[in-house]
Amino acid sequence: MRNRICVLVVLLVVCTSCVPRQQAVSRLDAPSVVQPGADAGNATSCPSDVSQDASSVMLDESAQADAAALPDEDETALVEEIQEGKEPPSVDASTPLTPQEETALDTEPDIHFDLDLRDTEDVQLYFRYYTRKHRKTFARWLKRAEPYLPYLRDEFKKHGLPQDLIFLPFAESGFNPWAYSWAGAAGMWQFMPATGRRYGLQVDWWLDERRNPFLATQAAIGYLKKLHNDFNDWYLALAAYNAGEGTIGRALRKTGCDNFFDLAKTRRYLKRETRHYVPKFIAILKIVRNLEELGFEPINWDARLEHEQLLVKGGTDLLALASYTGLSWKEFRKLNPAFRRQVSPPGKTCAVYLPLEKTALAQEYLSSPDARPYAGYKHYRVRKGDSWWRISRRSGVPISVLKKVNGHRNNLLRPGQQIMIPGKGDRIVTASALSNTREFAKKRANYTVKKGDTLWEIAKRFGTSSTTLLRANGLRSGRHLRIGQKLYIPDASSSSTRLARQNADKEFKRLVRYHVRKGDNLWAIARRFGVTTRQLYAWNNLNKRSILRPGDRIKVYVDQ
């Protein structure tokens, strides 16, 4: 009898351990991580030394941006290891340091390094981590930082801040303006939306100014000043930049500590990412100060990003502006990562950055009739049975944006009424991305267009949608189908459809695996990333009755 009871207990334990895997939204095993503007119990960002995409959050514009901004295998490995929350970081501490490395670790501050560098065991671990295990990744970050460092140096000096702090983005994003964390933090300085807005950054369907290196730097300066005024100590200010001032303030009150290193020893009130944040930054400072001695290439302080800032009116067709100056959309967005659409937001004058030699052409375009506001929009005549919801679903533009663009506050629409819809819907389509998708479709083509065919009829015949066919075949529209043209028709009821959609989506969006936090709902998550709740439902096989729990993860495709 006793043996039977033991067997039943074992079976019960095994079955119980399997239950969480059947939740509607899967959980991520990585611990919650903290970010600028976070507060207690409200973790908000990826580990600050990453350049990733949440399985690679930081992939640049459909893998088309400059190679220096793309993560390689070494960089991705660093991200995954840090996200696992290993404490301490996994390094080979048995191999003795070289004399040059010993000298670098013994570095004392000078005029360029105003912080009092504390040498701890964690500092040595991170020093080895970046100079040995992930040396190639750190070298990539150094090259990526060069265009921005001169600007940061000038601005931090102007505001009387320690010059050390210009290297903080190494610990935040690897100096990648396109960086997105699984928690929704973005940009070189990894601001959360609320903190970004608090310091003047616009974060909505049109713009994500957290990705603007220059505006985000000004916001970071303001935030760092505020944190130093709060704590009168740079170590505590840095910890608060990572965890949030509320978290650090409460921890100090509850422990009675008056400095970061004593506070970090308590372990109870700070997450491991915050306890490691300051030692990690100190290690980065020691490396940056001794680059040549450690075998890295020195920073080229003359590699300043040379560009001209121009102001454009609301509704300006940015794609047309780029084309007029001879820039591809990819080249334009490399200089202007904040724009999420090919049209500038209505009712707002925005700054665009262009190479110096393109300035005259840009001014010529902006003063021409072609640059009239809303040239990048399409006009739509409301039909019987239309509603804001239907038009939003059809165009991929949120209802709130449609209403704002058209100056509507109510839900009334009349047949025959003309409204404007931002061109290209909710995604930016580059010629290169479309070409890649077309090549993929050509290899799997399983239908030949016949006389009289239309895209709508083909979609209806095969039980799919026109949108799916367009995306699966890399087409902008179905109005110019040719007899004999080869199309890929995915089976709407099989895995091939999902594969086609995934491959099409990869050309236009970056996947972020978002960790659900306490108090989250789908509406709030959609607003944070500039998507719709309907899209979240589709991407995650959810419905209105689905329950989100803290710790769950959901897929979000962020516009490039």
Protein backbone atom coordinates (compact mmCIF):
# COMPACT_ATOMS: atom_id res chain seq x y z
CA MET A 1 0.00 0.00 0.00
CA ARG A 2 2.80 2.39 0.91
CA ASN A 3 4.49 1.70 -2.44
CA ARG A 4 1.29 2.57 -4.31
CA ILE A 5 1.03 5.87 -2.47
CA CYS A 6 4.64 6.72 -3.39
CA VAL A 7 3.97 5.96 -7.06
CA LEU A 8 0.86 8.18 -7.03
CA VAL A 9 2.79 11.05 -5.44
CA VAL A 10 5.55 10.79 -8.09
CA LEU A 11 2.98 10.80 -10.92
CA LEU A 12 1.24 13.83 -9.41
CA VAL A 13 4.50 15.78 -9.22
CA VAL A 14 5.39 14.92 -12.83
CA CYS A 15 1.95 15.92 -14.12
CA THR A 16 1.98 19.17 -12.15
CA SER A 17 5.35 20.13 -13.59
CA CYS A 18 3.94 19.75 -17.12
CA VAL A 19 0.86 21.96 -16.68
CA PRO A 20 2.43 25.44 -17.16
CA ARG A 21 3.62 24.45 -20.63
CA GLN A 22 0.03 24.34 -21.85
CA GLN A 23 -0.72 28.01 -21.14
CA ALA A 24 -2.09 30.08 -24.00
CA VAL A 25 0.97 32.33 -23.80
CA SER A 26 4.31 30.68 -23.08
CA ARG A 27 6.61 31.84 -20.31
CA LEU A 28 10.23 32.81 -20.76
CA ASP A 29 12.68 31.25 -18.37
CA ALA A 30 14.96 34.29 -18.30
CA PRO A 31 14.60 36.52 -15.22
CA SER A 32 13.04 39.96 -15.34
CA VAL A 33 15.60 42.62 -16.13
CA VAL A 34 15.63 46.28 -15.25
CA GLN A 35 16.00 49.43 -17.34
CA PRO A 36 15.94 53.24 -17.27
CA GLY A 37 12.81 54.44 -15.58
CA ALA A 38 11.86 51.07 -14.08
CA ASP A 39 10.35 50.82 -10.64
CA ALA A 40 10.13 48.14 -7.99
CA GLY A 41 8.28 45.09 -9.13
CA ASN A 42 8.10 46.56 -12.59
CA ALA A 43 11.16 45.35 -14.48
CA THR A 44 11.56 47.03 -17.81
CA SER A 45 14.47 46.09 -19.98
CA CYS A 46 16.97 43.69 -21.35
CA PRO A 47 20.42 43.41 -19.83
CA SER A 48 22.18 46.59 -20.64
CA ASP A 49 25.09 45.03 -22.50
CA VAL A 50 23.12 43.68 -25.37
CA SER A 51 22.63 44.33 -29.02
CA GLN A 52 19.99 41.82 -29.89
CA ASP A 53 16.64 40.96 -31.28
CA ALA A 54 14.96 39.15 -28.43
CA SER A 55 16.28 36.17 -29.76
CA SER A 56 17.93 39.03 -31.61
CA VAL A 57 15.99 42.18 -30.72
CA MET A 58 18.48 44.51 -32.29
CA LEU A 59 18.48 43.28 -35.86
CA ASP A 60 18.66 46.34 -38.08
CA GLU A 61 16.09 47.08 -40.77
CA SER A 62 15.28 43.62 -42.09
CA ALA A 63 18.96 42.69 -41.91
CA GLN A 64 19.74 45.38 -44.46
CA ALA A 65 21.42 48.03 -42.32
CA ASP A 66 25.16 48.50 -42.07
CA ALA A 67 27.07 45.42 -41.00
CA ALA A 68 28.48 47.22 -37.96
CA ALA A 69 24.98 47.37 -36.48
CA LEU A 70 24.16 43.70 -36.99
CA PRO A 71 24.72 41.11 -34.27
CA ASP A 72 26.95 38.19 -35.17
CA GLU A 73 26.95 34.79 -33.47
CA ASP A 74 29.31 36.01 -30.75
CA GLU A 75 27.08 38.97 -29.97
CA THR A 76 23.94 36.83 -29.87
CA ALA A 77 25.65 34.38 -27.53
CA LEU A 78 26.49 37.23 -25.17
CA VAL A 79 22.84 38.32 -25.16
CA GLU A 80 21.50 34.86 -24.43
CA GLU A 81 23.98 34.27 -21.64
CA ILE A 82 23.23 37.57 -19.93
CA GLN A 83 19.48 37.02 -20.30
CA GLU A 84 19.80 33.75 -18.46
CA GLY A 85 20.79 35.83 -15.46
CA LYS A 86 23.96 33.91 -14.67
CA GLU A 87 25.66 35.18 -11.57
CA PRO A 88 28.55 35.79 -11.89
CA PRO A 89 28.99 35.97 -15.70
CA SER A 90 30.48 32.81 -17.14
CA VAL A 91 34.18 33.45 -17.77
CA ASP A 92 37.40 31.48 -17.46
CA ALA A 93 38.92 33.04 -14.35
CA SER A 94 41.70 30.43 -14.10
CA THR A 95 43.86 31.88 -16.89
CA PRO A 96 46.19 34.55 -15.45
CA LEU A 97 45.83 38.12 -16.69
CA THR A 98 48.58 39.49 -18.91
CA PRO A 99 50.75 42.35 -17.57
CA GLN A 100 48.84 44.74 -19.87
CA GLU A 101 45.51 43.55 -18.47
CA GLU A 102 46.78 43.87 -14.90
CA THR A 103 47.86 47.44 -15.66
CA ALA A 104 44.47 48.25 -17.19
CA LEU A 105 42.66 46.91 -14.13
CA ASP A 106 44.88 49.04 -11.88
CA THR A 107 44.01 52.18 -13.86
CA GLU A 108 43.36 55.21 -11.67
CA PRO A 109 41.08 58.05 -12.76
CA ASP A 110 42.45 61.05 -14.59
CA ILE A 111 40.90 64.20 -16.04
CA HIS A 112 38.81 62.20 -18.52
CA PHE A 113 37.55 59.70 -15.94
CA ASP A 114 35.84 61.54 -13.14
CA LEU A 115 34.22 58.59 -11.39
CA ASP A 116 36.08 56.93 -8.54
CA LEU A 117 36.72 53.51 -10.08
CA ARG A 118 36.11 50.74 -7.54
CA ASP A 119 37.98 47.50 -8.16
CA THR A 120 35.80 44.55 -7.16
CA GLU A 121 35.60 40.89 -8.09
CA ASP A 122 32.62 41.61 -10.35
CA VAL A 123 34.63 44.30 -12.17
CA GLN A 124 37.34 41.75 -12.93
CA LEU A 125 34.78 39.22 -14.16
CA TYR A 126 33.24 41.71 -16.58
CA PHE A 127 36.69 42.89 -17.62
CA ARG A 128 37.52 39.33 -18.68
CA TYR A 129 34.06 38.94 -20.18
CA TYR A 130 34.51 41.80 -22.67
CA THR A 131 38.24 41.51 -23.34
CA ARG A 132 38.30 37.74 -23.80
CA LYS A 133 35.07 35.77 -24.20
CA HIS A 134 33.21 38.50 -26.13
CA ARG A 135 36.15 40.45 -27.44
CA LYS A 136 34.91 40.48 -31.07
CA THR A 137 31.56 41.83 -29.96
CA PHE A 138 33.13 44.65 -27.96
CA ALA A 139 35.34 45.55 -30.94
CA ARG A 140 32.17 45.85 -33.07
CA TRP A 141 30.59 48.11 -30.49
CA LEU A 142 33.64 50.37 -30.54
CA LYS A 143 33.34 50.89 -34.31
CA ARG A 144 29.59 51.42 -34.02
CA ALA A 145 30.10 54.09 -31.34
CA GLU A 146 32.61 56.23 -33.25
CA PRO A 147 30.12 58.41 -35.19
CA TYR A 148 28.27 59.32 -31.98
CA LEU A 149 31.00 59.69 -29.36
CA PRO A 150 32.21 63.17 -30.46
CA TYR A 151 28.65 64.52 -30.17
CA LEU A 152 28.17 62.90 -26.76
CA ARG A 153 31.49 64.26 -25.53
CA ASP A 154 30.58 67.82 -26.53
CA GLU A 155 27.08 67.67 -25.05
CA PHE A 156 28.09 66.10 -21.73
CA LYS A 157 30.87 68.66 -21.36
CA LYS A 158 28.43 71.48 -22.12
CA HIS A 159 26.12 70.27 -19.34
CA GLY A 160 28.92 69.72 -16.83
CA LEU A 161 28.51 65.95 -16.61
CA PRO A 162 31.39 63.48 -16.11
CA GLN A 163 32.95 62.49 -19.41
CA ASP A 164 32.83 58.85 -18.30
CA LEU A 165 29.09 58.82 -18.85
CA ILE A 166 29.41 59.11 -22.63
CA PHE A 167 30.37 55.42 -22.60
CA LEU A 168 27.18 54.35 -20.80
CA PRO A 169 25.48 53.20 -24.06
CA PHE A 170 28.07 50.40 -24.21
CA ALA A 171 26.30 48.99 -21.16
CA GLU A 172 22.86 49.76 -22.57
CA SER A 173 22.71 48.86 -26.25
CA GLY A 174 26.20 48.50 -27.68
CA PHE A 175 25.54 51.97 -29.22
CA ASN A 176 22.82 50.60 -31.48
CA PRO A 177 20.05 53.17 -32.19
CA TRP A 178 17.79 50.35 -33.42
CA ALA A 179 18.05 48.38 -30.18
CA TYR A 180 14.81 46.97 -28.77
CA SER A 181 14.56 45.00 -25.57
CA TRP A 182 12.01 42.33 -24.74
CA ALA A 183 10.48 44.75 -22.22
CA GLY A 184 9.89 47.55 -24.72
CA ALA A 185 12.95 49.71 -24.06
CA ALA A 186 14.42 51.16 -27.23
CA GLY A 187 17.27 53.13 -28.72
CA MET A 188 20.89 53.72 -27.90
CA TRP A 189 20.01 54.84 -24.35
CA GLN A 190 17.30 52.16 -23.88
CA PHE A 191 14.46 54.36 -22.66
CA MET A 192 11.10 52.90 -21.73
CA PRO A 193 8.18 54.71 -23.44
CA ALA A 194 6.96 56.48 -20.29
CA THR A 195 10.44 57.70 -19.29
CA GLY A 196 11.14 58.79 -22.85
CA ARG A 197 7.94 60.82 -23.01
CA ARG A 198 8.72 62.37 -19.63
CA TYR A 199 11.93 63.76 -21.15
CA GLY A 200 10.36 65.05 -24.35
CA LEU A 201 10.64 62.07 -26.71
CA GLN A 202 7.65 61.29 -28.93
CA VAL A 203 6.75 57.60 -28.92
CA ASP A 204 3.68 56.68 -30.98
CA TRP A 205 2.53 55.18 -34.27
CA TRP A 206 4.40 57.84 -36.27
CA LEU A 207 7.66 58.33 -34.41
CA ASP A 208 9.87 56.61 -31.89
CA GLU A 209 12.31 59.35 -30.91
CA ARG A 210 14.01 57.01 -28.47
CA ARG A 211 15.75 55.76 -31.64
CA ASN A 212 16.99 59.27 -32.51
CA PRO A 213 20.56 59.24 -31.10
CA PHE A 214 20.67 63.03 -30.73
CA LEU A 215 17.29 63.62 -29.10
CA ALA A 216 17.71 60.54 -26.91
CA THR A 217 21.11 61.82 -25.77
CA GLN A 218 19.50 65.08 -24.64
CA ALA A 219 16.87 63.08 -22.76
CA ALA A 220 19.58 60.93 -21.14
CA ILE A 221 21.44 64.04 -20.02
CA GLY A 222 18.29 65.36 -18.37
CA TYR A 223 17.53 62.05 -16.71
CA LEU A 224 21.09 61.51 -15.43
CA LYS A 225 21.16 65.05 -14.01
CA LYS A 226 17.91 64.40 -12.21
CA LEU A 227 19.15 61.10 -10.77
CA HIS A 228 22.39 62.66 -9.53
CA ASN A 229 20.41 65.44 -7.86
CA ASP A 230 18.23 62.80 -6.19
CA PHE A 231 21.08 60.71 -4.76
CA ASN A 232 24.12 63.01 -4.87
CA ASP A 233 26.20 59.98 -5.85
CA TRP A 234 27.01 58.74 -9.34
CA TYR A 235 27.02 55.06 -8.45
CA LEU A 236 23.50 55.28 -7.01
CA ALA A 237 22.44 57.44 -9.95
CA LEU A 238 23.66 54.77 -12.38
CA ALA A 239 21.89 52.03 -10.44
CA ALA A 240 18.72 54.15 -10.59
CA TYR A 241 19.17 54.59 -14.35
CA ASN A 242 18.99 50.82 -14.59
CA ALA A 243 16.36 50.03 -11.96
CA GLY A 244 14.42 53.27 -11.50
CA GLU A 245 14.76 55.93 -8.84
CA GLY A 246 11.84 54.51 -6.84
CA THR A 247 13.51 51.12 -6.52
CA ILE A 248 16.82 52.58 -5.32
CA GLY A 249 15.18 55.08 -2.96
CA ARG A 250 13.12 52.39 -1.25
CA ALA A 251 16.11 50.04 -1.01
CA LEU A 252 18.20 52.74 0.70
CA ARG A 253 15.43 53.48 3.20
CA LYS A 254 14.81 49.83 4.04
CA THR A 255 18.48 48.85 4.41
CA GLY A 256 19.87 52.03 5.93
CA CYS A 257 22.76 51.89 3.44
CA ASP A 258 24.22 55.10 2.07
CA ASN A 259 26.23 53.81 -0.93
CA PHE A 260 25.78 51.46 -3.86
CA PHE A 261 28.34 48.80 -2.91
CA ASP A 262 26.88 48.21 0.56
CA LEU A 263 23.40 48.20 -0.94
CA ALA A 264 24.42 45.62 -3.56
CA LYS A 265 25.67 43.27 -0.84
CA THR A 266 22.19 43.00 0.68
CA ARG A 267 20.89 41.21 -2.46
CA ARG A 268 17.31 41.35 -1.14
CA TYR A 269 16.24 44.67 -2.60
CA LEU A 270 18.14 44.82 -5.90
CA LYS A 271 17.88 42.41 -8.80
CA ARG A 272 21.13 40.84 -9.96
CA GLU A 273 21.13 42.94 -13.14
CA THR A 274 21.21 46.13 -11.07
CA ARG A 275 23.81 44.76 -8.65
CA HIS A 276 26.04 43.99 -11.66
CA TYR A 277 25.29 47.18 -13.57
CA VAL A 278 27.83 49.47 -11.91
CA PRO A 279 30.71 46.91 -11.82
CA LYS A 280 29.99 46.16 -15.47
CA PHE A 281 30.18 49.86 -16.37
CA ILE A 282 33.41 50.28 -14.40
CA ALA A 283 34.93 47.35 -16.32
CA ILE A 284 33.89 49.02 -19.59
CA LEU A 285 35.56 52.26 -18.51
CA LYS A 286 38.82 50.49 -17.72
CA ILE A 287 38.78 48.78 -21.10
CA VAL A 288 37.99 51.97 -23.03
CA ARG A 289 40.82 53.80 -21.29
CA ASN A 290 43.36 51.13 -22.25
CA LEU A 291 42.24 50.11 -25.72
CA GLU A 292 45.64 50.04 -27.42
CA GLU A 293 47.35 48.31 -24.49
CA LEU A 294 44.63 45.64 -24.61
CA GLY A 295 45.00 45.15 -28.37
CA PHE A 296 41.86 47.01 -29.48
CA GLU A 297 41.87 49.70 -32.16
CA PRO A 298 41.80 53.18 -30.62
CA ILE A 299 38.65 55.28 -30.96
CA ASN A 300 38.75 57.59 -33.96
CA TRP A 301 37.48 60.86 -32.49
CA ASP A 302 37.39 62.42 -35.96
CA ALA A 303 34.73 59.98 -37.18
CA ARG A 304 31.91 62.38 -36.29
CA LEU A 305 28.68 61.78 -38.19
CA GLU A 306 28.61 64.62 -40.72
CA HIS A 307 25.04 65.56 -41.49
CA GLU A 308 22.71 68.51 -41.91
CA GLN A 309 19.47 68.95 -40.01
CA LEU A 310 16.45 70.16 -41.99
CA LEU A 311 12.91 70.82 -40.82
CA VAL A 312 9.99 69.28 -42.69
CA LYS A 313 6.28 70.04 -42.34
CA GLY A 314 3.74 67.56 -41.10
CA GLY A 315 2.59 65.12 -43.73
CA THR A 316 5.77 65.34 -45.83
CA ASP A 317 6.37 62.33 -48.07
CA LEU A 318 9.74 61.19 -46.71
CA LEU A 319 10.17 58.47 -49.31
CA ALA A 320 9.81 61.06 -52.08
CA LEU A 321 12.26 63.36 -50.28
CA ALA A 322 14.83 60.57 -50.03
CA SER A 323 14.37 59.59 -53.68
CA TYR A 324 14.73 63.21 -54.86
CA THR A 325 18.09 63.51 -53.11
CA GLY A 326 19.32 60.20 -54.52
CA LEU A 327 19.09 58.27 -51.24
CA SER A 328 17.54 54.84 -50.94
CA TRP A 329 14.97 54.41 -48.19
CA LYS A 330 17.47 52.22 -46.36
CA GLU A 331 20.10 55.00 -46.46
CA PHE A 332 17.58 57.61 -45.34
CA ARG A 333 16.41 55.52 -42.39
CA LYS A 334 19.96 54.79 -41.32
CA LEU A 335 20.26 58.53 -40.66
CA ASN A 336 16.66 58.88 -39.41
CA PRO A 337 15.81 55.78 -37.36
CA ALA A 338 13.06 57.58 -35.40
CA PHE A 339 10.57 57.57 -38.28
CA ARG A 340 8.20 54.61 -38.27
CA ARG A 341 6.32 55.65 -41.40
CA GLN A 342 7.22 56.96 -44.84
CA VAL A 343 5.27 60.14 -44.08
CA SER A 344 6.08 62.61 -41.31
CA PRO A 345 3.40 62.96 -38.60
CA PRO A 346 0.63 65.49 -39.30
CA GLY A 347 0.59 68.78 -37.43
CA LYS A 348 4.22 68.51 -36.33
CA THR A 349 7.39 70.00 -37.77
CA CYS A 350 10.09 67.35 -37.65
CA ALA A 351 13.85 67.37 -38.09
CA VAL A 352 15.39 65.09 -40.70
CA TYR A 353 19.11 64.38 -41.00
CA LEU A 354 20.79 64.23 -44.39
CA PRO A 355 24.38 64.03 -45.70
CA LEU A 356 25.85 67.50 -46.21
CA GLU A 357 26.09 67.03 -49.96
CA LYS A 358 22.34 66.27 -50.17
CA THR A 359 21.18 69.42 -48.42
CA ALA A 360 20.73 71.60 -51.53
CA LEU A 361 18.65 68.93 -53.30
CA ALA A 362 16.51 68.41 -50.19
CA GLN A 363 15.80 72.14 -49.88
CA GLU A 364 14.94 72.24 -53.58
CA TYR A 365 12.42 69.43 -53.11
CA LEU A 366 10.90 70.93 -49.95
CA SER A 367 10.29 74.24 -51.73
CA SER A 368 8.64 72.54 -54.76
CA PRO A 369 4.90 71.79 -55.22
CA ASP A 370 5.71 68.08 -54.98
CA ALA A 371 6.40 68.53 -51.27
CA ARG A 372 2.84 69.63 -50.45
CA PRO A 373 1.57 68.18 -47.15
CA TYR A 374 -0.01 64.73 -47.28
CA ALA A 375 1.38 63.93 -50.72
CA GLY A 376 2.28 60.53 -49.29
CA TYR A 377 -1.34 59.77 -48.34
CA LYS A 378 -4.03 58.09 -50.37
CA HIS A 379 -7.60 59.35 -50.59
CA TYR A 380 -10.39 56.92 -49.85
CA ARG A 381 -14.09 57.33 -50.59
CA VAL A 382 -16.25 55.89 -47.81
CA ARG A 383 -18.59 53.16 -49.05
CA LYS A 384 -21.89 51.92 -47.68
CA GLY A 385 -21.28 49.69 -44.68
CA ASP A 386 -17.84 51.15 -43.96
CA SER A 387 -16.79 51.97 -40.42
CA TRP A 388 -13.58 53.23 -38.85
CA TRP A 389 -12.96 49.68 -37.65
CA ARG A 390 -13.31 48.17 -41.13
CA ILE A 391 -11.13 50.80 -42.77
CA SER A 392 -8.55 50.37 -40.01
CA ARG A 393 -8.52 46.61 -40.47
CA ARG A 394 -8.25 46.91 -44.26
CA SER A 395 -5.45 49.52 -44.26
CA GLY A 396 -3.51 48.37 -41.20
CA VAL A 397 -3.73 51.85 -39.65
CA PRO A 398 -5.02 52.21 -36.05
CA ILE A 399 -8.43 53.88 -35.66
CA SER A 400 -6.94 56.60 -33.42
CA VAL A 401 -4.45 57.53 -36.17
CA LEU A 402 -7.12 57.58 -38.88
CA LYS A 403 -9.30 59.87 -36.78
CA LYS A 404 -6.43 62.19 -35.93
CA VAL A 405 -5.29 62.48 -39.55
CA ASN A 406 -8.83 63.30 -40.65
CA GLY A 407 -9.75 65.55 -37.72
CA HIS A 408 -12.59 63.32 -36.49
CA ARG A 409 -13.57 62.77 -32.89
CA ASN A 410 -16.78 60.78 -33.35
CA ASN A 411 -17.52 57.47 -35.06
CA LEU A 412 -19.82 58.82 -37.79
CA LEU A 413 -18.90 58.16 -41.43
CA ARG A 414 -21.09 58.97 -44.44
CA PRO A 415 -21.02 57.10 -47.79
CA GLY A 416 -19.22 59.22 -50.36
CA GLN A 417 -17.16 61.03 -47.73
CA GLN A 418 -13.43 61.39 -48.56
CA ILE A 419 -10.85 60.50 -45.92
CA MET A 420 -7.05 60.30 -46.01
CA ILE A 421 -5.12 57.16 -45.18
CA PRO A 422 -1.36 57.24 -44.57
CA GLY A 423 0.30 55.62 -47.57
CA LYS A 424 1.76 52.10 -47.28
CA GLY A 425 -0.41 51.25 -44.26
CA ASP A 426 1.45 50.02 -41.23
CA ARG A 427 4.69 48.87 -42.81
CA ILE A 428 7.60 50.32 -44.69
CA VAL A 429 8.27 48.43 -47.88
CA THR A 430 11.74 48.64 -49.40
CA ALA A 431 12.50 47.47 -52.91
CA SER A 432 15.13 45.11 -51.54
CA ALA A 433 12.73 43.54 -49.05
CA LEU A 434 10.08 42.99 -51.73
CA SER A 435 12.71 41.46 -54.01
CA ASN A 436 13.78 39.01 -51.31
CA THR A 437 10.17 37.93 -50.72
CA ARG A 438 9.55 37.55 -54.47
CA GLU A 439 12.60 35.29 -54.75
CA PHE A 440 11.27 33.14 -51.91
CA ALA A 441 7.83 32.95 -53.58
CA LYS A 442 9.31 32.14 -57.01
CA LYS A 443 11.00 29.03 -55.65
CA ARG A 444 7.69 27.78 -54.23
CA ALA A 445 5.34 29.01 -56.98
CA ASN A 446 2.37 26.68 -57.40
CA TYR A 447 -0.09 28.69 -59.49
CA THR A 448 0.00 30.31 -62.94
CA VAL A 449 -2.16 33.39 -63.53
CA LYS A 450 -4.83 32.78 -66.20
CA LYS A 451 -6.81 35.15 -68.36
CA GLY A 452 -9.45 36.98 -66.33
CA ASP A 453 -7.82 36.24 -62.96
CA THR A 454 -7.82 38.87 -60.24
CA LEU A 455 -6.00 38.65 -56.94
CA TRP A 456 -9.30 38.70 -55.05
CA GLU A 457 -10.72 35.81 -57.09
CA ILE A 458 -7.54 33.75 -56.69
CA ALA A 459 -7.55 34.34 -52.93
CA LYS A 460 -11.23 33.36 -52.67
CA ARG A 461 -10.68 30.23 -54.78
CA PHE A 462 -7.90 28.98 -52.50
CA GLY A 463 -9.50 30.02 -49.22
CA THR A 464 -7.02 32.70 -48.30
CA SER A 465 -6.94 36.53 -48.38
CA SER A 466 -5.64 39.06 -50.88
CA THR A 467 -3.35 40.48 -48.19
CA THR A 468 -1.80 37.07 -47.57
CA LEU A 469 -1.14 36.61 -51.29
CA LEU A 470 0.43 40.05 -51.60
CA ARG A 471 2.70 39.46 -48.63
CA ALA A 472 3.59 35.89 -49.62
CA ASN A 473 4.60 37.02 -53.13
CA GLY A 474 6.28 40.36 -52.33
CA LEU A 475 3.74 42.37 -54.33
CA ARG A 476 2.68 45.96 -53.67
CA SER A 477 -0.75 45.46 -55.27
CA GLY A 478 -2.64 42.96 -57.39
CA ARG A 479 -3.73 45.39 -60.07
CA HIS A 480 -1.05 44.41 -62.57
CA LEU A 481 -1.17 40.62 -62.64
CA ARG A 482 0.10 39.18 -65.94
CA ILE A 483 -1.16 36.10 -67.73
CA GLY A 484 1.42 33.39 -67.12
CA GLN A 485 2.76 35.04 -63.96
CA LYS A 486 3.81 32.53 -61.29
CA LEU A 487 2.37 32.94 -57.80
CA TYR A 488 2.87 31.12 -54.54
CA ILE A 489 -0.52 30.19 -53.04
CA PRO A 490 -0.02 28.98 -49.48
CA ASP A 491 -2.58 26.52 -48.16
CA ALA A 492 -4.62 28.58 -45.71
CA SER A 493 -5.20 25.57 -43.48
CA SER A 494 -1.66 24.25 -43.31
CA SER A 495 1.71 25.16 -41.85
CA SER A 496 2.84 26.45 -45.26
CA THR A 497 0.64 29.51 -44.79
CA ARG A 498 2.27 30.29 -41.49
CA LEU A 499 5.69 29.82 -43.07
CA ALA A 500 4.86 32.17 -45.95
CA ARG A 501 3.52 34.82 -43.60
CA GLN A 502 6.54 34.52 -41.33
CA ASN A 503 8.96 34.92 -44.22
CA ALA A 504 7.03 37.90 -45.55
CA ASP A 505 6.80 39.49 -42.09
CA LYS A 506 10.53 39.13 -41.52
CA GLU A 507 11.15 41.48 -44.42
CA PHE A 508 9.22 44.29 -42.79
CA LYS A 509 9.25 43.84 -39.03
CA ARG A 510 11.51 42.98 -36.12
CA LEU A 511 10.34 40.34 -33.67
CA VAL A 512 10.31 41.29 -29.99
CA ARG A 513 9.36 38.71 -27.38
CA TYR A 514 7.71 40.85 -24.73
CA HIS A 515 7.56 39.77 -21.10
CA VAL A 516 4.16 40.45 -19.56
CA ARG A 517 4.40 42.43 -16.33
CA LYS A 518 2.03 43.07 -13.45
CA GLY A 519 -0.79 45.36 -14.55
CA ASP A 520 -0.26 44.76 -18.29
CA ASN A 521 -3.10 44.25 -20.73
CA LEU A 522 -3.11 43.85 -24.51
CA TRP A 523 -4.26 47.43 -25.09
CA ALA A 524 -1.33 48.83 -23.09
CA ILE A 525 1.16 46.52 -24.79
CA ALA A 526 -0.19 47.46 -28.24
CA ARG A 527 0.15 51.16 -27.42
CA ARG A 528 3.72 50.69 -26.17
CA PHE A 529 4.84 49.16 -29.46
CA GLY A 530 2.61 51.12 -31.84
CA VAL A 531 0.57 48.11 -33.01
CA THR A 532 -3.08 47.09 -32.68
CA THR A 533 -4.64 44.65 -30.24
CA ARG A 534 -6.01 42.76 -33.24
CA GLN A 535 -2.45 42.17 -34.44
CA LEU A 536 -1.45 40.90 -31.00
CA TYR A 537 -4.37 38.47 -31.11
CA ALA A 538 -3.29 37.16 -34.52
CA TRP A 539 0.43 36.88 -33.74
CA ASN A 540 -0.16 34.96 -30.52
CA ASN A 541 -3.32 32.93 -31.26
CA LEU A 542 -5.19 34.85 -28.57
CA ASN A 543 -8.77 36.06 -28.23
CA LYS A 544 -10.68 38.42 -25.95
CA ARG A 545 -11.03 35.70 -23.33
CA SER A 546 -7.31 34.91 -23.17
CA ILE A 547 -5.66 35.63 -19.83
CA LEU A 548 -2.24 37.25 -19.55
CA ARG A 549 -0.15 36.51 -16.48
CA PRO A 550 3.03 38.25 -15.27
CA GLY A 551 5.98 36.34 -16.68
CA ASP A 552 4.19 35.21 -19.85
CA ARG A 553 5.77 36.25 -23.13
CA ILE A 554 4.03 37.35 -26.29
CA LYS A 555 5.30 38.02 -29.81
CA VAL A 556 5.27 41.58 -31.12
CA TYR A 557 6.41 42.53 -34.62
CA VAL A 558 7.83 46.06 -34.38
CA ASP A 559 7.83 48.26 -37.48
CA GLN A 560 11.25 48.80 -39.02
